[in-house]
C-alpha atoms as a PDB file:
ATOM      1  CA  UNK A   1      -7.482  -2.495 -23.887  1.00  0.00           C
ATOM      2  CA  UNK A   2      -3.743  -2.644 -23.525  1.00  0.00           C
ATOM      3  CA  UNK A   3      -3.407  -4.361 -20.419  1.00  0.00           C
ATOM      4  CA  UNK A   4       0.507  -3.428 -20.201  1.00  0.00           C
ATOM      5  CA  UNK A   5       0.050  -1.823 -16.472  1.00  0.00           C
ATOM      6  CA  UNK A   6      -0.123  -3.908 -13.418  1.00  0.00           C
ATOM      7  CA  UNK A   7      -2.344  -3.717 -10.194  1.00  0.00           C
ATOM      8  CA  UNK A   8      -1.825  -5.629  -6.955  1.00  0.00           C
ATOM      9  CA  UNK A   9      -4.342  -6.706  -4.652  1.00  0.00           C
ATOM     10  CA  UNK A  10      -3.265  -8.285  -1.332  1.00  0.00           C
ATOM     11  CA  UNK A  11      -6.361  -9.744   0.399  1.00  0.00           C
ATOM     12  CA  UNK A  12      -7.300 -11.364   3.255  1.00  0.00           C
ATOM     13  CA  UNK A  13     -10.905 -12.807   4.113  1.00  0.00           C
ATOM     14  CA  UNK A  14     -12.531 -10.348   1.761  1.00  0.00           C
ATOM     15  CA  UNK A  15     -14.994 -12.883   0.202  1.00  0.00           C
ATOM     16  CA  UNK A  16     -17.649 -10.278  -0.142  1.00  0.00           C
ATOM     17  CA  UNK A  17     -15.880  -7.957  -2.203  1.00  0.00           C
ATOM     18  CA  UNK A  18     -12.952  -9.347  -3.852  1.00  0.00           C
ATOM     19  CA  UNK A  19     -14.496 -10.709  -7.015  1.00  0.00           C
ATOM     20  CA  UNK A  20     -16.051  -7.402  -7.701  1.00  0.00           C
ATOM     21  CA  UNK A  21     -12.681  -5.669  -7.266  1.00  0.00           C
ATOM     22  CA  UNK A  22     -11.136  -8.171  -9.436  1.00  0.00           C
ATOM     23  CA  UNK A  23     -13.681  -7.664 -12.181  1.00  0.00           C
ATOM     24  CA  UNK A  24     -13.159  -3.763 -11.721  1.00  0.00           C
ATOM     25  CA  UNK A  25      -9.501  -3.757 -12.254  1.00  0.00           C
ATOM     26  CA  UNK A  26      -9.538  -6.053 -15.604  1.00  0.00           C
ATOM     27  CA  UNK A  27     -12.527  -3.973 -16.926  1.00  0.00           C
ATOM     28  CA  UNK A  28     -10.360  -0.824 -16.547  1.00  0.00           C
ATOM     29  CA  UNK A  29      -7.797  -2.463 -18.755  1.00  0.00           C
ATOM     30  CA  UNK A  30      -5.124  -3.572 -16.122  1.00  0.00           C
ATOM     31  CA  UNK A  31      -3.320  -6.784 -15.358  1.00  0.00           C
ATOM     32  CA  UNK A  32      -4.112  -8.159 -12.036  1.00  0.00           C
ATOM     33  CA  UNK A  33      -2.094 -10.244  -9.616  1.00  0.00           C
ATOM     34  CA  UNK A  34      -4.121 -11.035  -6.190  1.00  0.00           C
ATOM     35  CA  UNK A  35      -2.150 -12.176  -3.404  1.00  0.00           C
ATOM     36  CA  UNK A  36      -4.018 -14.234  -1.125  1.00  0.00           C
ATOM     37  CA  UNK A  37      -2.829 -13.704   2.322  1.00  0.00           C
ATOM     38  CA  UNK A  38      -4.098 -17.026   3.782  1.00  0.00           C
ATOM     39  CA  UNK A  39      -7.872 -16.469   3.482  1.00  0.00           C
ATOM     40  CA  UNK A  40     -10.124 -19.108   5.220  1.00  0.00           C
ATOM     41  CA  UNK A  41     -12.137 -19.520   1.552  1.00  0.00           C
ATOM     42  CA  UNK A  42      -9.448 -19.430  -1.272  1.00  0.00           C
ATOM     43  CA  UNK A  43      -9.704 -16.549  -3.572  1.00  0.00           C
ATOM     44  CA  UNK A  44      -9.231 -18.895  -6.201  1.00  0.00           C
ATOM     45  CA  UNK A  45     -12.556 -20.195  -5.592  1.00  0.00           C
ATOM     46  CA  UNK A  46     -14.290 -16.693  -5.519  1.00  0.00           C
ATOM     47  CA  UNK A  47     -13.396 -15.194  -8.603  1.00  0.00           C
ATOM     48  CA  UNK A  48     -14.009 -16.259 -12.323  1.00  0.00           C
ATOM     49  CA  UNK A  49     -10.929 -17.511 -14.096  1.00  0.00           C
ATOM     50  CA  UNK A  50      -9.409 -14.970 -16.847  1.00  0.00           C
ATOM     51  CA  UNK A  51      -6.257 -14.545 -18.799  1.00  0.00           C
ATOM     52  CA  UNK A  52      -5.302 -11.244 -17.166  1.00  0.00           C
ATOM     53  CA  UNK A  53      -5.686 -12.381 -13.315  1.00  0.00           C
ATOM     54  CA  UNK A  54      -3.187 -14.128 -11.320  1.00  0.00           C
ATOM     55  CA  UNK A  55      -3.426 -15.473  -7.921  1.00  0.00           C
ATOM     56  CA  UNK A  56      -0.521 -16.001  -5.640  1.00  0.00           C
ATOM     57  CA  UNK A  57      -1.512 -17.829  -2.328  1.00  0.00           C
ATOM     58  CA  UNK A  58       0.193 -17.377   1.265  1.00  0.00           C
ATOM     59  CA  UNK A  59      -0.933 -20.868   2.958  1.00  0.00           C
ATOM     60  CA  UNK A  60      -1.242 -18.928   6.365  1.00  0.00           C
ATOM     61  CA  UNK A  61      -1.691 -15.183   7.027  1.00  0.00           C
ATOM     62  CA  UNK A  62       1.714 -13.579   7.070  1.00  0.00           C
ATOM     63  CA  UNK A  63       0.433  -9.889   6.843  1.00  0.00           C
ATOM     64  CA  UNK A  64      -0.206  -7.190   4.580  1.00  0.00           C
ATOM     65  CA  UNK A  65       3.307  -6.055   3.939  1.00  0.00           C
ATOM     66  CA  UNK A  66       4.397  -9.759   3.106  1.00  0.00           C
ATOM     67  CA  UNK A  67       1.563  -9.926   0.668  1.00  0.00           C
ATOM     68  CA  UNK A  68       2.885  -6.409  -0.723  1.00  0.00           C
ATOM     69  CA  UNK A  69       6.318  -7.679  -1.100  1.00  0.00           C
ATOM     70  CA  UNK A  70       4.801 -11.157  -2.761  1.00  0.00           C
ATOM     71  CA  UNK A  71       3.233  -8.972  -5.270  1.00  0.00           C
ATOM     72  CA  UNK A  72       6.139  -7.113  -6.109  1.00  0.00           C
ATOM     73  CA  UNK A  73       8.280 -10.216  -6.702  1.00  0.00           C
ATOM     74  CA  UNK A  74       5.375 -11.480  -8.790  1.00  0.00           C
ATOM     75  CA  UNK A  75       5.345  -8.376 -10.745  1.00  0.00           C
ATOM     76  CA  UNK A  76       9.150  -8.209 -11.360  1.00  0.00           C
ATOM     77  CA  UNK A  77       8.922 -11.899 -12.347  1.00  0.00           C
ATOM     78  CA  UNK A  78       6.159 -10.969 -15.059  1.00  0.00           C
ATOM     79  CA  UNK A  79       8.713  -8.031 -16.231  1.00  0.00           C
ATOM     80  CA  UNK A  80       7.272  -4.922 -14.705  1.00  0.00           C
ATOM     81  CA  UNK A  81       9.117  -2.239 -13.080  1.00  0.00           C
ATOM     82  CA  UNK A  82       6.277  -0.794 -11.244  1.00  0.00           C
ATOM     83  CA  UNK A  83       2.614  -1.533  -9.894  1.00  0.00           C
ATOM     84  CA  UNK A  84      -0.178  -0.115  -8.266  1.00  0.00           C
ATOM     85  CA  UNK A  85      -1.216  -1.816  -5.015  1.00  0.00           C
ATOM     86  CA  UNK A  86      -5.035  -1.326  -3.924  1.00  0.00           C
ATOM     87  CA  UNK A  87      -7.087  -3.013  -1.248  1.00  0.00           C
ATOM     88  CA  UNK A  88      -9.432  -5.939  -1.849  1.00  0.00           C
ATOM     89  CA  UNK A  89     -12.198  -4.146   0.487  1.00  0.00           C
ATOM     90  CA  UNK A  90     -14.128  -2.494  -2.261  1.00  0.00           C
ATOM     91  CA  UNK A  91     -12.785   0.958  -1.154  1.00  0.00           C
ATOM     92  CA  UNK A  92     -10.202   1.618  -3.746  1.00  0.00           C
ATOM     93  CA  UNK A  93     -11.485   2.430  -7.084  1.00  0.00           C
ATOM     94  CA  UNK A  94      -9.968   0.955 -10.463  1.00  0.00           C
ATOM     95  CA  UNK A  95     -10.862   4.006 -12.381  1.00  0.00           C
ATOM     96  CA  UNK A  96      -8.645   5.888 -10.186  1.00  0.00           C
ATOM     97  CA  UNK A  97      -5.329   3.858 -10.994  1.00  0.00           C
ATOM     98  CA  UNK A  98      -4.502   5.651 -13.916  1.00  0.00           C
ATOM     99  CA  UNK A  99      -3.936   9.027 -11.914  1.00  0.00           C
ATOM    100  CA  UNK A 100      -0.738   7.240 -10.033  1.00  0.00           C
ATOM    101  CA  UNK A 101       0.709   5.836 -13.288  1.00  0.00           C
ATOM    102  CA  UNK A 102      -0.028   9.175 -14.680  1.00  0.00           C
ATOM    103  CA  UNK A 103       1.991  10.977 -12.403  1.00  0.00           C
ATOM    104  CA  UNK A 104       4.905   8.993 -12.267  1.00  0.00           C
ATOM    105  CA  UNK A 105       8.010  10.907 -13.594  1.00  0.00           C
ATOM    106  CA  UNK A 106      10.890   9.056 -12.227  1.00  0.00           C
ATOM    107  CA  UNK A 107      11.114   5.209 -12.294  1.00  0.00           C
ATOM    108  CA  UNK A 108      12.196   5.366  -8.567  1.00  0.00           C
ATOM    109  CA  UNK A 109       9.131   7.238  -7.200  1.00  0.00           C
ATOM    110  CA  UNK A 110       6.370   5.998  -4.823  1.00  0.00           C
ATOM    111  CA  UNK A 111       3.262   7.369  -5.829  1.00  0.00           C
ATOM    112  CA  UNK A 112       0.744   7.968  -2.767  1.00  0.00           C
ATOM    113  CA  UNK A 113      -2.674   7.934  -3.666  1.00  0.00           C
ATOM    114  CA  UNK A 114      -3.983  10.667  -1.197  1.00  0.00           C
ATOM    115  CA  UNK A 115      -7.741  10.017  -0.363  1.00  0.00           C
ATOM    116  CA  UNK A 116     -10.136  12.679  -0.321  1.00  0.00           C
ATOM    117  CA  UNK A 117     -11.945  12.452   2.840  1.00  0.00           C
ATOM    118  CA  UNK A 118     -14.524  15.034   1.646  1.00  0.00           C
ATOM    119  CA  UNK A 119     -17.116  12.197   1.318  1.00  0.00           C
ATOM    120  CA  UNK A 120     -19.712  10.367   3.364  1.00  0.00           C
ATOM    121  CA  UNK A 121     -19.034   7.561   6.109  1.00  0.00           C
ATOM    122  CA  UNK A 122     -15.318   8.441   6.711  1.00  0.00           C
ATOM    123  CA  UNK A 123     -14.871   7.510  10.424  1.00  0.00           C
ATOM    124  CA  UNK A 124     -13.255  10.546  12.593  1.00  0.00           C
ATOM    125  CA  UNK A 125     -10.575   8.031  13.987  1.00  0.00           C
ATOM    126  CA  UNK A 126      -9.477   7.877  10.499  1.00  0.00           C
ATOM    127  CA  UNK A 127      -9.060  11.545  10.053  1.00  0.00           C
ATOM    128  CA  UNK A 128      -7.226  11.773  13.439  1.00  0.00           C
ATOM    129  CA  UNK A 129      -5.226   8.814  12.508  1.00  0.00           C
ATOM    130  CA  UNK A 130      -4.070  10.179   9.349  1.00  0.00           C
ATOM    131  CA  UNK A 131      -3.247  13.351  10.938  1.00  0.00           C
ATOM    132  CA  UNK A 132      -0.991  11.767  13.448  1.00  0.00           C
ATOM    133  CA  UNK A 133       0.859   9.176  11.341  1.00  0.00           C
ATOM    134  CA  UNK A 134       1.471  12.103   8.623  1.00  0.00           C
ATOM    135  CA  UNK A 135       3.337  14.180  11.539  1.00  0.00           C
ATOM    136  CA  UNK A 136       5.881  11.432  12.026  1.00  0.00           C
ATOM    137  CA  UNK A 137       6.492  10.752   8.329  1.00  0.00           C
ATOM    138  CA  UNK A 138       7.208  14.241   7.905  1.00  0.00           C
ATOM    139  CA  UNK A 139       9.291  14.177  11.040  1.00  0.00           C
ATOM    140  CA  UNK A 140      11.341  11.076   9.572  1.00  0.00           C
ATOM    141  CA  UNK A 141      11.584  12.045   6.270  1.00  0.00           C
ATOM    142  CA  UNK A 142      10.950  15.845   5.662  1.00  0.00           C
ATOM    143  CA  UNK A 143       8.498  14.967   2.798  1.00  0.00           C
ATOM    144  CA  UNK A 144       4.970  16.792   3.377  1.00  0.00           C
ATOM    145  CA  UNK A 145       2.811  13.773   2.823  1.00  0.00           C
ATOM    146  CA  UNK A 146      -1.005  14.237   2.835  1.00  0.00           C
ATOM    147  CA  UNK A 147      -1.963  10.440   3.340  1.00  0.00           C
ATOM    148  CA  UNK A 148       0.407   8.231   4.930  1.00  0.00           C
ATOM    149  CA  UNK A 149      -2.367   5.423   6.071  1.00  0.00           C
ATOM    150  CA  UNK A 150      -3.609   4.852   2.369  1.00  0.00           C
ATOM    151  CA  UNK A 151      -3.094   1.500   0.645  1.00  0.00           C
ATOM    152  CA  UNK A 152      -3.562   2.839  -2.976  1.00  0.00           C
ATOM    153  CA  UNK A 153       0.058   3.239  -4.017  1.00  0.00           C
ATOM    154  CA  UNK A 154       2.305   2.903  -6.878  1.00  0.00           C
ATOM    155  CA  UNK A 155       5.523   0.839  -5.943  1.00  0.00           C
ATOM    156  CA  UNK A 156       8.700   0.295  -7.899  1.00  0.00           C
ATOM    157  CA  UNK A 157       9.440  -3.052  -7.698  1.00  0.00           C
ATOM    158  CA  UNK A 158      13.095  -2.017  -6.329  1.00  0.00           C
ATOM    159  CA  UNK A 159      11.093  -1.732  -2.832  1.00  0.00           C
ATOM    160  CA  UNK A 160      12.213  -5.587  -2.870  1.00  0.00           C
ATOM    161  CA  UNK A 161      16.043  -4.113  -2.087  1.00  0.00           C
ATOM    162  CA  UNK A 162      14.917  -2.173   0.601  1.00  0.00           C
ATOM    163  CA  UNK A 163      16.019  -3.400   4.104  1.00  0.00           C
ATOM    164  CA  UNK A 164      12.420  -3.835   5.598  1.00  0.00           C
ATOM    165  CA  UNK A 165      11.546  -5.856   8.645  1.00  0.00           C
ATOM    166  CA  UNK A 166       7.933  -5.224   9.090  1.00  0.00           C
ATOM    167  CA  UNK A 167       5.395  -7.351   7.365  1.00  0.00           C
ATOM    168  CA  UNK A 168       1.970  -6.242   8.610  1.00  0.00           C
ATOM    169  CA  UNK A 169       0.251  -2.893   8.545  1.00  0.00           C
ATOM    170  CA  UNK A 170       3.446  -1.355   9.545  1.00  0.00           C
ATOM    171  CA  UNK A 171       5.047  -2.036   6.522  1.00  0.00           C
ATOM    172  CA  UNK A 172       3.273   0.582   4.761  1.00  0.00           C
ATOM    173  CA  UNK A 173       5.232   3.072   7.088  1.00  0.00           C
ATOM    174  CA  UNK A 174       8.548   1.456   6.946  1.00  0.00           C
ATOM    175  CA  UNK A 175       8.676   1.067   3.069  1.00  0.00           C
ATOM    176  CA  UNK A 176       7.937   4.711   2.780  1.00  0.00           C
ATOM    177  CA  UNK A 177      10.752   5.961   5.252  1.00  0.00           C
ATOM    178  CA  UNK A 178      13.242   3.565   4.150  1.00  0.00           C
ATOM    179  CA  UNK A 179      12.506   4.437   0.392  1.00  0.00           C
ATOM    180  CA  UNK A 180      12.481   8.029   1.057  1.00  0.00           C
ATOM    181  CA  UNK A 181      15.922   7.857   2.613  1.00  0.00           C
ATOM    182  CA  UNK A 182      17.376   6.067  -0.207  1.00  0.00           C
ATOM    183  CA  UNK A 183      15.944   7.868  -3.135  1.00  0.00           C
ATOM    184  CA  UNK A 184      14.245  11.159  -2.174  1.00  0.00           C
ATOM    185  CA  UNK A 185      11.362  10.311  -4.292  1.00  0.00           C
ATOM    186  CA  UNK A 186       7.868  10.389  -3.418  1.00  0.00           C
ATOM    187  CA  UNK A 187       4.790  11.895  -4.741  1.00  0.00           C
ATOM    188  CA  UNK A 188       1.078  12.608  -3.699  1.00  0.00           C
ATOM    189  CA  UNK A 189      -2.001  12.676  -6.173  1.00  0.00           C
ATOM    190  CA  UNK A 190      -5.443  13.250  -4.862  1.00  0.00           C
ATOM    191  CA  UNK A 191      -7.840  10.014  -5.771  1.00  0.00           C
ATOM    192  CA  UNK A 192     -11.487   9.348  -5.039  1.00  0.00           C
ATOM    193  CA  UNK A 193     -12.653   6.497  -3.017  1.00  0.00           C
ATOM    194  CA  UNK A 194     -15.688   4.648  -1.463  1.00  0.00           C
ATOM    195  CA  UNK A 195     -16.212   4.339   2.437  1.00  0.00           C
ATOM    196  CA  UNK A 196     -18.948   1.666   3.148  1.00  0.00           C
ATOM    197  CA  UNK A 197     -21.367   2.374   6.091  1.00  0.00           C
ATOM    198  CA  UNK A 198     -20.314   1.253   9.556  1.00  0.00           C
ATOM    199  CA  UNK A 199     -22.789  -2.016   9.071  1.00  0.00           C
ATOM    200  CA  UNK A 200     -20.979  -3.071   5.708  1.00  0.00           C
ATOM    201  CA  UNK A 201     -17.457  -2.255   6.869  1.00  0.00           C
ATOM    202  CA  UNK A 202     -14.875  -5.033   7.059  1.00  0.00           C
ATOM    203  CA  UNK A 203     -11.443  -4.207   8.487  1.00  0.00           C
ATOM    204  CA  UNK A 204      -8.540  -6.286   9.701  1.00  0.00           C
ATOM    205  CA  UNK A 205      -6.443  -3.436  11.438  1.00  0.00           C
ATOM    206  CA  UNK A 206      -6.225  -4.045  15.107  1.00  0.00           C
ATOM    207  CA  UNK A 207      -6.808  -0.729  16.645  1.00  0.00           C
ATOM    208  CA  UNK A 208      -4.317  -1.611  19.804  1.00  0.00           C
ATOM    209  CA  UNK A 209      -1.782  -4.229  18.288  1.00  0.00           C
ATOM    210  CA  UNK A 210      -1.163  -2.708  14.909  1.00  0.00           C
ATOM    211  CA  UNK A 211      -1.384   1.003  15.999  1.00  0.00           C
ATOM    212  CA  UNK A 212       1.100   0.389  18.765  1.00  0.00           C
ATOM    213  CA  UNK A 213       3.328  -1.489  16.074  1.00  0.00           C
ATOM    214  CA  UNK A 214       3.030   1.417  14.140  1.00  0.00           C
ATOM    215  CA  UNK A 215       3.943   4.189  16.778  1.00  0.00           C
ATOM    216  CA  UNK A 216       7.020   1.937  18.052  1.00  0.00           C
ATOM    217  CA  UNK A 217       8.118   1.766  14.413  1.00  0.00           C
ATOM    218  CA  UNK A 218       7.606   5.579  14.096  1.00  0.00           C
ATOM    219  CA  UNK A 219       9.952   6.161  17.208  1.00  0.00           C
ATOM    220  CA  UNK A 220      12.689   3.552  16.349  1.00  0.00           C
ATOM    221  CA  UNK A 221      12.879   5.274  12.656  1.00  0.00           C
ATOM    222  CA  UNK A 222      13.076   8.776  14.073  1.00  0.00           C
ATOM    223  CA  UNK A 223      16.006   7.542  16.704  1.00  0.00           C
ATOM    224  CA  UNK A 224      17.711   5.806  13.579  1.00  0.00           C
ATOM    225  CA  UNK A 225      17.432   9.114  11.747  1.00  0.00           C
ATOM    226  CA  UNK A 226      18.875  10.945  14.789  1.00  0.00           C
ATOM    227  CA  UNK A 227      21.850   8.732  15.097  1.00  0.00           C
ATOM    228  CA  UNK A 228      22.534   8.975  11.267  1.00  0.00           C
ATOM    229  CA  UNK A 229      22.429  12.636  11.493  1.00  0.00           C
ATOM    230  CA  UNK A 230      24.618  12.708  14.642  1.00  0.00           C
ATOM    231  CA  UNK A 231      26.974  10.308  12.825  1.00  0.00           C
ATOM    232  CA  UNK A 232      27.018  12.308   9.658  1.00  0.00           C
ATOM    233  CA  UNK A 233      27.924  15.569  12.151  1.00  0.00           C
ATOM    234  CA  UNK A 234      30.653  13.913  13.776  1.00  0.00           C
ATOM    235  CA  UNK A 235      32.197  13.092  10.575  1.00  0.00           C
ATOM    236  CA  UNK A 236      32.074  16.583   9.272  1.00  0.00           C
ATOM    237  CA  UNK A 237      33.777  17.886  12.249  1.00  0.00           C
END
């Protein structure tokens, strides 16, 4: 195995799954950076030492977006120009990572791992939420995205240069829109995933707080887009 590609796993309180996810990633031949976003039990105490695993820890919970950016900074430090981000709850499958790397045609692209929802145990609210947020991503970018809520993505480390303000789950919306505004480079590829039963499922997404934050961000980005178009129109007239 070459271990010449990097996976970043941002994680917060996934003690039952993180060791299995780490083992899966390394077994598939990828270098791994785990960003422990202030978990109650440190990730380094849960997984076996391995030369292909690095751990970055936030001493307090700072949010998924902050964890992804810490992973991007570590990737850049290690000499990588891109990385795949996948969740630590076991939903994403390391055997699907190659699809994102192999789909990449431009170093500026973000590759979206669009989840196949035609499987068991997918919550109805996930399907509705995906359609709603897809609409707003299309409205703000013009890109016909199929899964705006997936955490399974290939990012270039250049996302560190974007002026993003969000640091929790809403970061995953802001980074897509602002990256597309700058580079117009995004691509979807279909991936398989695993949804646990409701009894097994662990999520730190707050259906009220995080959903409200994302909706407010959609509206803010739409207003920014409209103002930019208005300014451009005035400059042309």
